Amino acid sequence: MRKEQIIVGKSYVNEEAGIIREVVEEIDERNVRANAFELSTGKLVPTRHSTWNRRELARWAQRETTAGEVRRIHPYEPTAWFDVPFPSDHGGTPLEQAKTTLEGTPGYHPPQQAR
C-alpha cells in the first residue's frame, strides 16, 4: 500500500500476523495512532506500540479490511448510522404532537435534571 492510503477511520489487515489495525487518530502528517485487533475473533489486542509512521503502516498492511471484518471488530456500530443521519422510517414523535401531549397533561412539569 502507499502511505497516502493510510486514512483515519479505516482499518488495515496483515494476514500473516493475523492482525487488523484501525487508524483512530492523526498525530501529525507522518504519524498516526492505531488500535490492534485479532483478525480471527475481532478482539482488541492490548499493545504498547500504538503510534505508527504512515510509511511503516503502509508497508505492514497487505490490504484494507472487508465489510465483514469491520463488523467483527465493531459489532454494535451498523453502517446505517453513518449513511443516513436520520432515517425516514424512524418512529419518532413529531414536535407539534409532543407539545400537545405535554400541554394536555395536567399538573406541574419540572425540567428533567441530568443524572
PDB file of N, CA and C in Angstrom:
ATOM      1  N   MET A   1       0.844  -1.180   0.000  1.00  0.00           N
ATOM      2  CA  MET A   1       0.000   0.000   0.000  1.00  0.00           C
ATOM      3  C   MET A   1       0.889   1.242   0.000  1.00  0.00           C
ATOM      4  N   ARG A   2       0.277   2.371  -0.339  1.00  0.00           N
ATOM      5  CA  ARG A   2       1.006   3.641  -0.299  1.00  0.00           C
ATOM      6  C   ARG A   2       0.633   4.385   0.969  1.00  0.00           C
ATOM      7  N   LYS A   3       1.554   5.209   1.472  1.00  0.00           N
ATOM      8  CA  LYS A   3       1.298   5.926   2.724  1.00  0.00           C
ATOM      9  C   LYS A   3       0.109   6.874   2.603  1.00  0.00           C
ATOM     10  N   GLU A   4      -0.201   7.349   1.396  1.00  0.00           N
ATOM     11  CA  GLU A   4      -1.331   8.237   1.192  1.00  0.00           C
ATOM     12  C   GLU A   4      -2.663   7.514   1.407  1.00  0.00           C
ATOM     13  N   GLN A   5      -2.638   6.181   1.346  1.00  0.00           N
ATOM     14  CA  GLN A   5      -3.847   5.394   1.521  1.00  0.00           C
ATOM     15  C   GLN A   5      -4.171   5.151   2.994  1.00  0.00           C
ATOM     16  N   ILE A   6      -3.278   5.497   3.894  1.00  0.00           N
ATOM     17  CA  ILE A   6      -3.498   5.318   5.326  1.00  0.00           C
ATOM     18  C   ILE A   6      -4.323   6.501   5.826  1.00  0.00           C
ATOM     19  N   ILE A   7      -5.601   6.227   6.177  1.00  0.00           N
ATOM     20  CA  ILE A   7      -6.562   7.280   6.493  1.00  0.00           C
ATOM     21  C   ILE A   7      -7.201   6.992   7.850  1.00  0.00           C
ATOM     22  N   VAL A   8      -7.416   8.031   8.627  1.00  0.00           N
ATOM     23  CA  VAL A   8      -8.094   7.891   9.919  1.00  0.00           C
ATOM     24  C   VAL A   8      -9.504   7.357   9.680  1.00  0.00           C
ATOM     25  N   GLY A   9      -9.889   6.368  10.473  1.00  0.00           N
ATOM     26  CA  GLY A   9     -11.205   5.757  10.339  1.00  0.00           C
ATOM     27  C   GLY A   9     -11.201   4.489   9.514  1.00  0.00           C
ATOM     28  N   LYS A  10     -10.112   4.202   8.824  1.00  0.00           N
ATOM     29  CA  LYS A  10     -10.004   2.978   8.021  1.00  0.00           C
ATOM     30  C   LYS A  10      -9.207   1.937   8.798  1.00  0.00           C
ATOM     31  N   SER A  11      -9.357   0.678   8.404  1.00  0.00           N
ATOM     32  CA  SER A  11      -8.656  -0.427   9.039  1.00  0.00           C
ATOM     33  C   SER A  11      -7.885  -1.206   7.992  1.00  0.00           C
ATOM     34  N   TYR A  12      -6.768  -1.782   8.413  1.00  0.00           N
ATOM     35  CA  TYR A  12      -5.873  -2.474   7.501  1.00  0.00           C
ATOM     36  C   TYR A  12      -5.481  -3.825   8.068  1.00  0.00           C
ATOM     37  N   VAL A  13      -5.247  -4.791   7.191  1.00  0.00           N
ATOM     38  CA  VAL A  13      -5.016  -6.176   7.583  1.00  0.00           C
ATOM     39  C   VAL A  13      -3.618  -6.628   7.185  1.00  0.00           C
ATOM     40  N   ASN A  14      -2.996  -7.401   8.089  1.00  0.00           N
ATOM     41  CA  ASN A  14      -1.810  -8.179   7.765  1.00  0.00           C
ATOM     42  C   ASN A  14      -2.193  -9.613   8.086  1.00  0.00           C
ATOM     43  N   GLU A  15      -2.475 -10.393   7.048  1.00  0.00           N
ATOM     44  CA  GLU A  15      -2.974 -11.757   7.237  1.00  0.00           C
ATOM     45  C   GLU A  15      -1.927 -12.670   7.855  1.00  0.00           C
ATOM     46  N   GLU A  16      -0.658 -12.471   7.533  1.00  0.00           N
ATOM     47  CA  GLU A  16       0.399 -13.309   8.101  1.00  0.00           C
ATOM     48  C   GLU A  16       0.473 -13.138   9.617  1.00  0.00           C
ATOM     49  N   ALA A  17       0.281 -11.910  10.099  1.00  0.00           N
ATOM     50  CA  ALA A  17       0.306 -11.638  11.535  1.00  0.00           C
ATOM     51  C   ALA A  17      -1.050 -11.928  12.184  1.00  0.00           C
ATOM     52  N   GLY A  18      -2.110 -11.999  11.378  1.00  0.00           N
ATOM     53  CA  GLY A  18      -3.448 -12.231  11.912  1.00  0.00           C
ATOM     54  C   GLY A  18      -3.973 -11.029  12.683  1.00  0.00           C
ATOM     55  N   ILE A  19      -3.604  -9.829  12.215  1.00  0.00           N
ATOM     56  CA  ILE A  19      -3.923  -8.591  12.928  1.00  0.00           C
ATOM     57  C   ILE A  19      -4.633  -7.601  12.013  1.00  0.00           C
ATOM     58  N   ILE A  20      -5.601  -6.889  12.593  1.00  0.00           N
ATOM     59  CA  ILE A  20      -6.235  -5.732  11.950  1.00  0.00           C
ATOM     60  C   ILE A  20      -5.773  -4.511  12.731  1.00  0.00           C
ATOM     61  N   ARG A  21      -5.359  -3.475  12.044  1.00  0.00           N
ATOM     62  CA  ARG A  21      -5.021  -2.210  12.706  1.00  0.00           C
ATOM     63  C   ARG A  21      -5.998  -1.151  12.207  1.00  0.00           C
ATOM     64  N   GLU A  22      -6.678  -0.523  13.165  1.00  0.00           N
ATOM     65  CA  GLU A  22      -7.644   0.527  12.854  1.00  0.00           C
ATOM     66  C   GLU A  22      -7.023   1.870  13.200  1.00  0.00           C
ATOM     67  N   VAL A  23      -6.908   2.746  12.219  1.00  0.00           N
ATOM     68  CA  VAL A  23      -6.315   4.066  12.437  1.00  0.00           C
ATOM     69  C   VAL A  23      -7.365   4.951  13.102  1.00  0.00           C
ATOM     70  N   VAL A  24      -7.057   5.416  14.327  1.00  0.00           N
ATOM     71  CA  VAL A  24      -8.035   6.176  15.102  1.00  0.00           C
ATOM     72  C   VAL A  24      -7.682   7.647  15.283  1.00  0.00           C
ATOM     73  N   GLU A  25      -6.428   8.020  14.982  1.00  0.00           N
ATOM     74  CA  GLU A  25      -6.034   9.414  15.212  1.00  0.00           C
ATOM     75  C   GLU A  25      -4.830   9.762  14.348  1.00  0.00           C
ATOM     76  N   GLU A  26      -4.833  10.991  13.851  1.00  0.00           N
ATOM     77  CA  GLU A  26      -3.677  11.510  13.131  1.00  0.00           C
ATOM     78  C   GLU A  26      -2.879  12.365  14.108  1.00  0.00           C
ATOM     79  N   ILE A  27      -1.655  11.962  14.373  1.00  0.00           N
ATOM     80  CA  ILE A  27      -0.812  12.704  15.303  1.00  0.00           C
ATOM     81  C   ILE A  27      -0.197  13.908  14.594  1.00  0.00           C
ATOM     82  N   ASP A  28       0.347  13.679  13.433  1.00  0.00           N
ATOM     83  CA  ASP A  28       0.846  14.733  12.552  1.00  0.00           C
ATOM     84  C   ASP A  28       0.814  14.180  11.133  1.00  0.00           C
ATOM     85  N   GLU A  29       1.384  14.894  10.180  1.00  0.00           N
ATOM     86  CA  GLU A  29       1.284  14.437   8.787  1.00  0.00           C
ATOM     87  C   GLU A  29       2.017  13.128   8.522  1.00  0.00           C
ATOM     88  N   ARG A  30       2.926  12.727   9.403  1.00  0.00           N
ATOM     89  CA  ARG A  30       3.678  11.484   9.201  1.00  0.00           C
ATOM     90  C   ARG A  30       3.235  10.334  10.090  1.00  0.00           C
ATOM     91  N   ASN A  31       2.618  10.622  11.220  1.00  0.00           N
ATOM     92  CA  ASN A  31       2.325   9.594  12.216  1.00  0.00           C
ATOM     93  C   ASN A  31       0.841   9.511  12.541  1.00  0.00           C
ATOM     94  N   VAL A  32       0.412   8.278  12.828  1.00  0.00           N
ATOM     95  CA  VAL A  32      -0.974   8.010  13.208  1.00  0.00           C
ATOM     96  C   VAL A  32      -0.994   7.086  14.419  1.00  0.00           C
ATOM     97  N   ARG A  33      -2.119   7.061  15.100  1.00  0.00           N
ATOM     98  CA  ARG A  33      -2.324   6.147  16.220  1.00  0.00           C
ATOM     99  C   ARG A  33      -3.328   5.096  15.758  1.00  0.00           C
ATOM    100  N   ALA A  34      -3.059   3.830  16.111  1.00  0.00           N
ATOM    101  CA  ALA A  34      -3.905   2.731  15.657  1.00  0.00           C
ATOM    102  C   ALA A  34      -4.173   1.739  16.781  1.00  0.00           C
ATOM    103  N   ASN A  35      -5.378   1.161  16.762  1.00  0.00           N
ATOM    104  CA  ASN A  35      -5.724   0.065  17.659  1.00  0.00           C
ATOM    105  C   ASN A  35      -5.499  -1.235  16.908  1.00  0.00           C
ATOM    106  N   ALA A  36      -5.158  -2.302  17.638  1.00  0.00           N
ATOM    107  CA  ALA A  36      -4.935  -3.610  17.028  1.00  0.00           C
ATOM    108  C   ALA A  36      -6.012  -4.585  17.469  1.00  0.00           C
ATOM    109  N   PHE A  37      -6.465  -5.415  16.533  1.00  0.00           N
ATOM    110  CA  PHE A  37      -7.483  -6.427  16.796  1.00  0.00           C
ATOM    111  C   PHE A  37      -7.032  -7.745  16.195  1.00  0.00           C
ATOM    112  N   GLU A  38      -7.476  -8.860  16.790  1.00  0.00           N
ATOM    113  CA  GLU A  38      -7.212 -10.170  16.216  1.00  0.00           C
ATOM    114  C   GLU A  38      -8.070 -10.319  14.969  1.00  0.00           C
ATOM    115  N   LEU A  39      -7.478 -10.769  13.894  1.00  0.00           N
ATOM    116  CA  LEU A  39      -8.208 -10.932  12.637  1.00  0.00           C
ATOM    117  C   LEU A  39      -9.283 -12.006  12.761  1.00  0.00           C
ATOM    118  N   SER A  40      -9.000 -13.090  13.459  1.00  0.00           N
ATOM    119  CA  SER A  40      -9.946 -14.209  13.521  1.00  0.00           C
ATOM    120  C   SER A  40     -11.138 -13.949  14.433  1.00  0.00           C
ATOM    121  N   THR A  41     -10.943 -13.211  15.537  1.00  0.00           N
ATOM    122  CA  THR A  41     -12.022 -13.019  16.507  1.00  0.00           C
ATOM    123  C   THR A  41     -12.549 -11.592  16.578  1.00  0.00           C
ATOM    124  N   GLY A  42     -11.727 -10.617  16.207  1.00  0.00           N
ATOM    125  CA  GLY A  42     -12.112  -9.213  16.316  1.00  0.00           C
ATOM    126  C   GLY A  42     -11.853  -8.623  17.691  1.00  0.00           C
ATOM    127  N   LYS A  43     -11.221  -9.402  18.584  1.00  0.00           N
ATOM    128  CA  LYS A  43     -10.945  -8.907  19.935  1.00  0.00           C
ATOM    129  C   LYS A  43      -9.794  -7.908  19.927  1.00  0.00           C
ATOM    130  N   LEU A  44      -9.919  -6.884  20.772  1.00  0.00           N
ATOM    131  CA  LEU A  44      -8.884  -5.868  20.910  1.00  0.00           C
ATOM    132  C   LEU A  44      -7.621  -6.503  21.469  1.00  0.00           C
ATOM    133  N   VAL A  45      -6.486  -6.181  20.878  1.00  0.00           N
ATOM    134  CA  VAL A  45      -5.194  -6.678  21.343  1.00  0.00           C
ATOM    135  C   VAL A  45      -4.491  -5.530  22.049  1.00  0.00           C
ATOM    136  N   PRO A  46      -4.252  -5.656  23.357  1.00  0.00           N
ATOM    137  CA  PRO A  46      -3.545  -4.576  24.057  1.00  0.00           C
ATOM    138  C   PRO A  46      -2.090  -4.528  23.587  1.00  0.00           C
ATOM    139  N   THR A  47      -1.705  -3.397  23.030  1.00  0.00           N
ATOM    140  CA  THR A  47      -0.326  -3.236  22.551  1.00  0.00           C
ATOM    141  C   THR A  47       0.265  -1.960  23.108  1.00  0.00           C
ATOM    142  N   ARG A  48       1.554  -1.998  23.333  1.00  0.00           N
ATOM    143  CA  ARG A  48       2.228  -0.791  23.801  1.00  0.00           C
ATOM    144  C   ARG A  48       2.539   0.136  22.641  1.00  0.00           C
ATOM    145  N   HIS A  49       2.741  -0.418  21.459  1.00  0.00           N
ATOM    146  CA  HIS A  49       3.139   0.384  20.302  1.00  0.00           C
ATOM    147  C   HIS A  49       1.907   0.709  19.466  1.00  0.00           C
ATOM    148  N   SER A  50       1.243   1.812  19.782  1.00  0.00           N
ATOM    149  CA  SER A  50       0.050   2.163  19.023  1.00  0.00           C
ATOM    150  C   SER A  50       0.293   3.337  18.073  1.00  0.00           C
ATOM    151  N   THR A  51       1.461   3.939  18.135  1.00  0.00           N
ATOM    152  CA  THR A  51       1.806   5.028  17.226  1.00  0.00           C
ATOM    153  C   THR A  51       2.619   4.465  16.066  1.00  0.00           C
ATOM    154  N   TRP A  52       2.173   4.785  14.856  1.00  0.00           N
ATOM    155  CA  TRP A  52       2.816   4.261  13.657  1.00  0.00           C
ATOM    156  C   TRP A  52       3.182   5.392  12.709  1.00  0.00           C
ATOM    157  N   ASN A  53       4.316   5.252  12.074  1.00  0.00           N
ATOM    158  CA  ASN A  53       4.672   6.098  10.948  1.00  0.00           C
ATOM    159  C   ASN A  53       3.824   5.616   9.778  1.00  0.00           C
ATOM    160  N   ARG A  54       3.218   6.534   9.033  1.00  0.00           N
ATOM    161  CA  ARG A  54       2.337   6.145   7.916  1.00  0.00           C
ATOM    162  C   ARG A  54       3.049   5.219   6.931  1.00  0.00           C
ATOM    163  N   ARG A  55       4.303   5.512   6.651  1.00  0.00           N
ATOM    164  CA  ARG A  55       5.060   4.705   5.693  1.00  0.00           C
ATOM    165  C   ARG A  55       5.233   3.268   6.205  1.00  0.00           C
ATOM    166  N   GLU A  56       5.543   3.131   7.514  1.00  0.00           N
ATOM    167  CA  GLU A  56       5.705   1.801   8.100  1.00  0.00           C
ATOM    168  C   GLU A  56       4.394   1.031   8.095  1.00  0.00           C
ATOM    169  N   LEU A  57       3.292   1.709   8.445  1.00  0.00           N
ATOM    170  CA  LEU A  57       1.995   1.055   8.456  1.00  0.00           C
ATOM    171  C   LEU A  57       1.595   0.638   7.038  1.00  0.00           C
ATOM    172  N   ALA A  58       1.907   1.460   6.062  1.00  0.00           N
ATOM    173  CA  ALA A  58       1.604   1.119   4.669  1.00  0.00           C
ATOM    174  C   ALA A  58       2.393  -0.113   4.231  1.00  0.00           C
ATOM    175  N   ARG A  59       3.636  -0.229   4.673  1.00  0.00           N
ATOM    176  CA  ARG A  59       4.444  -1.416   4.358  1.00  0.00           C
ATOM    177  C   ARG A  59       3.887  -2.649   5.075  1.00  0.00           C
ATOM    178  N   TRP A  60       3.432  -2.460   6.330  1.00  0.00           N
ATOM    179  CA  TRP A  60       2.910  -3.559   7.133  1.00  0.00           C
ATOM    180  C   TRP A  60       1.587  -4.083   6.569  1.00  0.00           C
ATOM    181  N   ALA A  61       0.725  -3.173   6.142  1.00  0.00           N
ATOM    182  CA  ALA A  61      -0.622  -3.541   5.691  1.00  0.00           C
ATOM    183  C   ALA A  61      -0.579  -4.240   4.341  1.00  0.00           C
ATOM    184  N   GLN A  62      -1.298  -5.344   4.263  1.00  0.00           N
ATOM    185  CA  GLN A  62      -1.397  -6.056   2.991  1.00  0.00           C
ATOM    186  C   GLN A  62      -2.623  -5.617   2.201  1.00  0.00           C
ATOM    187  N   ARG A  63      -3.651  -5.171   2.929  1.00  0.00           N
ATOM    188  CA  ARG A  63      -4.884  -4.735   2.272  1.00  0.00           C
ATOM    189  C   ARG A  63      -5.765  -3.998   3.276  1.00  0.00           C
ATOM    190  N   GLU A  64      -6.817  -3.372   2.768  1.00  0.00           N
ATOM    191  CA  GLU A  64      -7.815  -2.745   3.638  1.00  0.00           C
ATOM    192  C   GLU A  64      -8.797  -3.824   4.103  1.00  0.00           C
ATOM    193  N   THR A  65      -9.451  -3.602   5.229  1.00  0.00           N
ATOM    194  CA  THR A  65     -10.394  -4.589   5.748  1.00  0.00           C
ATOM    195  C   THR A  65     -11.637  -4.685   4.872  1.00  0.00           C
ATOM    196  N   THR A  66     -12.261  -5.844   4.921  1.00  0.00           N
ATOM    197  CA  THR A  66     -13.542  -6.040   4.242  1.00  0.00           C
ATOM    198  C   THR A  66     -14.658  -5.577   5.180  1.00  0.00           C
ATOM    199  N   ALA A  67     -15.864  -5.459   4.659  1.00  0.00           N
ATOM    200  CA  ALA A  67     -17.013  -5.051   5.487  1.00  0.00           C
ATOM    201  C   ALA A  67     -17.262  -6.062   6.601  1.00  0.00           C
ATOM    202  N   GLY A  68     -17.085  -7.335   6.330  1.00  0.00           N
ATOM    203  CA  GLY A  68     -17.278  -8.371   7.340  1.00  0.00           C
ATOM    204  C   GLY A  68     -16.263  -8.268   8.466  1.00  0.00           C
ATOM    205  N   GLU A  69     -15.039  -7.937   8.131  1.00  0.00           N
ATOM    206  CA  GLU A  69     -14.001  -7.781   9.157  1.00  0.00           C
ATOM    207  C   GLU A  69     -14.269  -6.558  10.029  1.00  0.00           C
ATOM    208  N   VAL A  70     -14.775  -5.487   9.426  1.00  0.00           N
ATOM    209  CA  VAL A  70     -15.119  -4.291  10.192  1.00  0.00           C
ATOM    210  C   VAL A  70     -16.256  -4.607  11.161  1.00  0.00           C
ATOM    211  N   ARG A  71     -17.256  -5.369  10.709  1.00  0.00           N
ATOM    212  CA  ARG A  71     -18.362  -5.767  11.595  1.00  0.00           C
ATOM    213  C   ARG A  71     -17.849  -6.627  12.748  1.00  0.00           C
ATOM    214  N   ARG A  72     -16.814  -7.403  12.507  1.00  0.00           N
ATOM    215  CA  ARG A  72     -16.262  -8.256  13.553  1.00  0.00           C
ATOM    216  C   ARG A  72     -15.615  -7.428  14.662  1.00  0.00           C
ATOM    217  N   ILE A  73     -14.943  -6.336  14.301  1.00  0.00           N
ATOM    218  CA  ILE A  73     -14.280  -5.525  15.329  1.00  0.00           C
ATOM    219  C   ILE A  73     -15.212  -4.485  15.935  1.00  0.00           C
ATOM    220  N   HIS A  74     -16.285  -4.131  15.237  1.00  0.00           N
ATOM    221  CA  HIS A  74     -17.274  -3.167  15.741  1.00  0.00           C
ATOM    222  C   HIS A  74     -18.677  -3.724  15.521  1.00  0.00           C
ATOM    223  N   PRO A  75     -19.044  -4.757  16.287  1.00  0.00           N
ATOM    224  CA  PRO A  75     -20.336  -5.407  16.027  1.00  0.00           C
ATOM    225  C   PRO A  75     -21.550  -4.566  16.371  1.00  0.00           C
ATOM    226  N   TYR A  76     -21.386  -3.516  17.165  1.00  0.00           N
ATOM    227  CA  TYR A  76     -22.534  -2.721  17.596  1.00  0.00           C
ATOM    228  C   TYR A  76     -22.648  -1.402  16.854  1.00  0.00           C
ATOM    229  N   GLU A  77     -21.927  -1.224  15.781  1.00  0.00           N
ATOM    230  CA  GLU A  77     -21.973   0.022  15.015  1.00  0.00           C
ATOM    231  C   GLU A  77     -22.419  -0.255  13.588  1.00  0.00           C
ATOM    232  N   PRO A  78     -23.742  -0.290  13.357  1.00  0.00           N
ATOM    233  CA  PRO A  78     -24.210  -0.533  11.999  1.00  0.00           C
ATOM    234  C   PRO A  78     -23.838   0.615  11.075  1.00  0.00           C
ATOM    235  N   THR A  79     -23.521   0.285   9.837  1.00  0.00           N
ATOM    236  CA  THR A  79     -23.125   1.318   8.875  1.00  0.00           C
ATOM    237  C   THR A  79     -24.263   2.269   8.562  1.00  0.00           C
ATOM    238  N   ALA A  80     -25.500   1.862   8.830  1.00  0.00           N
ATOM    239  CA  ALA A  80     -26.636   2.751   8.554  1.00  0.00           C
ATOM    240  C   ALA A  80     -26.546   4.054   9.324  1.00  0.00           C
ATOM    241  N   TRP A  81     -25.939   4.032  10.500  1.00  0.00           N
ATOM    242  CA  TRP A  81     -25.806   5.263  11.278  1.00  0.00           C
ATOM    243  C   TRP A  81     -24.945   6.277  10.555  1.00  0.00           C
ATOM    244  N   PHE A  82     -24.013   5.818   9.748  1.00  0.00           N
ATOM    245  CA  PHE A  82     -23.121   6.732   9.050  1.00  0.00           C
ATOM    246  C   PHE A  82     -23.671   7.136   7.691  1.00  0.00           C
ATOM    247  N   ASP A  83     -24.523   6.307   7.106  1.00  0.00           N
ATOM    248  CA  ASP A  83     -25.051   6.594   5.778  1.00  0.00           C
ATOM    249  C   ASP A  83     -26.204   7.590   5.810  1.00  0.00           C
ATOM    250  N   VAL A  84     -27.101   7.461   6.778  1.00  0.00           N
ATOM    251  CA  VAL A  84     -28.293   8.295   6.849  1.00  0.00           C
ATOM    252  C   VAL A  84     -28.338   8.957   8.223  1.00  0.00           C
ATOM    253  N   PRO A  85     -28.248  10.298   8.304  1.00  0.00           N
ATOM    254  CA  PRO A  85     -28.235  10.947   9.606  1.00  0.00           C
ATOM    255  C   PRO A  85     -29.530  10.761  10.388  1.00  0.00           C
ATOM    256  N   PHE A  86     -30.679  10.692   9.723  1.00  0.00           N
ATOM    257  CA  PHE A  86     -31.946  10.477  10.412  1.00  0.00           C
ATOM    258  C   PHE A  86     -32.833   9.667   9.475  1.00  0.00           C
ATOM    259  N   PRO A  87     -32.915   8.362   9.682  1.00  0.00           N
ATOM    260  CA  PRO A  87     -33.662   7.507   8.761  1.00  0.00           C
ATOM    261  C   PRO A  87     -35.125   7.925   8.639  1.00  0.00           C
ATOM    262  N   SER A  88     -35.670   7.810   7.438  1.00  0.00           N
ATOM    263  CA  SER A  88     -37.053   8.227   7.194  1.00  0.00           C
ATOM    264  C   SER A  88     -38.059   7.314   7.882  1.00  0.00           C
ATOM    265  N   ASP A  89     -37.679   6.076   8.160  1.00  0.00           N
ATOM    266  CA  ASP A  89     -38.609   5.165   8.822  1.00  0.00           C
ATOM    267  C   ASP A  89     -38.489   5.217  10.344  1.00  0.00           C
ATOM    268  N   HIS A  90     -37.828   6.243  10.851  1.00  0.00           N
ATOM    269  CA  HIS A  90     -37.680   6.410  12.299  1.00  0.00           C
ATOM    270  C   HIS A  90     -39.060   6.651  12.909  1.00  0.00           C
ATOM    271  N   GLY A  91     -39.361   5.998  13.996  1.00  0.00           N
ATOM    272  CA  GLY A  91     -40.690   6.087  14.592  1.00  0.00           C
ATOM    273  C   GLY A  91     -40.823   7.188  15.618  1.00  0.00           C
ATOM    274  N   GLY A  92     -40.142   8.308  15.447  1.00  0.00           N
ATOM    275  CA  GLY A  92     -40.193   9.405  16.407  1.00  0.00           C
ATOM    276  C   GLY A  92     -41.525  10.137  16.411  1.00  0.00           C
ATOM    277  N   THR A  93     -41.738  10.941  17.443  1.00  0.00           N
ATOM    278  CA  THR A  93     -42.954  11.742  17.578  1.00  0.00           C
ATOM    279  C   THR A  93     -42.714  13.125  16.988  1.00  0.00           C
ATOM    280  N   PRO A  94     -43.601  13.576  16.109  1.00  0.00           N
ATOM    281  CA  PRO A  94     -43.451  14.930  15.565  1.00  0.00           C
ATOM    282  C   PRO A  94     -43.499  15.966  16.691  1.00  0.00           C
ATOM    283  N   LEU A  95     -42.773  17.058  16.537  1.00  0.00           N
ATOM    284  CA  LEU A  95     -42.649  18.072  17.575  1.00  0.00           C
ATOM    285  C   LEU A  95     -44.003  18.609  18.027  1.00  0.00           C
ATOM    286  N   GLU A  96     -44.882  18.956  17.107  1.00  0.00           N
ATOM    287  CA  GLU A  96     -46.188  19.513  17.465  1.00  0.00           C
ATOM    288  C   GLU A  96     -47.016  18.521  18.288  1.00  0.00           C
ATOM    289  N   GLN A  97     -46.937  17.262  17.948  1.00  0.00           N
ATOM    290  CA  GLN A  97     -47.677  16.248  18.697  1.00  0.00           C
ATOM    291  C   GLN A  97     -47.105  16.100  20.108  1.00  0.00           C
ATOM    292  N   ALA A  98     -45.794  16.192  20.244  1.00  0.00           N
ATOM    293  CA  ALA A  98     -45.162  16.085  21.560  1.00  0.00           C
ATOM    294  C   ALA A  98     -45.579  17.256  22.447  1.00  0.00           C
ATOM    295  N   LYS A  99     -45.630  18.462  21.885  1.00  0.00           N
ATOM    296  CA  LYS A  99     -46.054  19.639  22.650  1.00  0.00           C
ATOM    297  C   LYS A  99     -47.499  19.478  23.101  1.00  0.00           C
ATOM    298  N   THR A 100     -48.348  19.002  22.218  1.00  0.00           N
ATOM    299  CA  THR A 100     -49.754  18.819  22.536  1.00  0.00           C
ATOM    300  C   THR A 100     -49.923  17.833  23.688  1.00  0.00           C
ATOM    301  N   THR A 101     -49.182  16.747  23.667  1.00  0.00           N
ATOM    302  CA  THR A 101     -49.272  15.743  24.718  1.00  0.00           C
ATOM    303  C   THR A 101     -48.856  16.330  26.055  1.00  0.00           C
ATOM    304  N   LEU A 102     -47.777  17.071  26.101  1.00  0.00           N
ATOM    305  CA  LEU A 102     -47.283  17.658  27.337  1.00  0.00           C
ATOM    306  C   LEU A 102     -48.256  18.707  27.867  1.00  0.00           C
ATOM    307  N   GLU A 103     -48.763  19.556  26.974  1.00  0.00           N
ATOM    308  CA  GLU A 103     -49.687  20.609  27.397  1.00  0.00           C
ATOM    309  C   GLU A 103     -51.020  20.033  27.864  1.00  0.00           C
ATOM    310  N   GLY A 104     -51.397  18.883  27.328  1.00  0.00           N
ATOM    311  CA  GLY A 104     -52.664  18.272  27.690  1.00  0.00           C
ATOM    312  C   GLY A 104     -52.620  17.517  29.012  1.00  0.00           C
ATOM    313  N   THR A 105     -51.446  17.335  29.570  1.00  0.00           N
ATOM    314  CA  THR A 105     -51.312  16.614  30.831  1.00  0.00           C
ATOM    315  C   THR A 105     -51.363  17.621  31.967  1.00  0.00           C
ATOM    316  N   PRO A 106     -52.327  17.477  32.909  1.00  0.00           N
ATOM    317  CA  PRO A 106     -52.445  18.450  33.995  1.00  0.00           C
ATOM    318  C   PRO A 106     -51.289  18.318  34.991  1.00  0.00           C
ATOM    319  N   GLY A 107     -51.034  19.408  35.716  1.00  0.00           N
ATOM    320  CA  GLY A 107     -50.024  19.390  36.771  1.00  0.00           C
ATOM    321  C   GLY A 107     -48.752  20.109  36.364  1.00  0.00           C
ATOM    322  N   TYR A 108     -47.871  20.232  37.356  1.00  0.00           N
ATOM    323  CA  TYR A 108     -46.583  20.899  37.156  1.00  0.00           C
ATOM    324  C   TYR A 108     -45.603  19.930  36.499  1.00  0.00           C
ATOM    325  N   HIS A 109     -44.828  20.420  35.542  1.00  0.00           N
ATOM    326  CA  HIS A 109     -43.858  19.599  34.830  1.00  0.00           C
ATOM    327  C   HIS A 109     -42.452  20.169  35.064  1.00  0.00           C
ATOM    328  N   PRO A 110     -41.770  19.731  36.111  1.00  0.00           N
ATOM    329  CA  PRO A 110     -40.436  20.275  36.364  1.00  0.00           C
ATOM    330  C   PRO A 110     -39.454  19.815  35.277  1.00  0.00           C
ATOM    331  N   PRO A 111     -38.430  20.622  34.991  1.00  0.00           N
ATOM    332  CA  PRO A 111     -37.440  20.224  33.990  1.00  0.00           C
ATOM    333  C   PRO A 111     -36.662  18.998  34.481  1.00  0.00           C
ATOM    334  N   GLN A 112     -36.314  18.142  33.561  1.00  0.00           N
ATOM    335  CA  GLN A 112     -35.545  16.937  33.890  1.00  0.00           C
ATOM    336  C   GLN A 112     -34.115  17.331  34.256  1.00  0.00           C
ATOM    337  N   GLN A 113     -33.590  16.722  35.295  1.00  0.00           N
ATOM    338  CA  GLN A 113     -32.213  17.006  35.680  1.00  0.00           C
ATOM    339  C   GLN A 113     -31.298  15.917  35.169  1.00  0.00           C
ATOM    340  N   ALA A 114     -30.124  16.318  34.746  1.00  0.00           N
ATOM    341  CA  ALA A 114     -29.132  15.360  34.256  1.00  0.00           C
ATOM    342  C   ALA A 114     -28.660  14.477  35.407  1.00  0.00           C
ATOM    343  N   ARG A 115     -28.485  13.228  35.107  1.00  0.00           N
ATOM    344  CA  ARG A 115     -28.022  12.282  36.126  1.00  0.00           C
ATOM    345  C   ARG A 115     -26.598  11.900  35.913  1.00  0.00           C
TER     346      ARG A 115
END
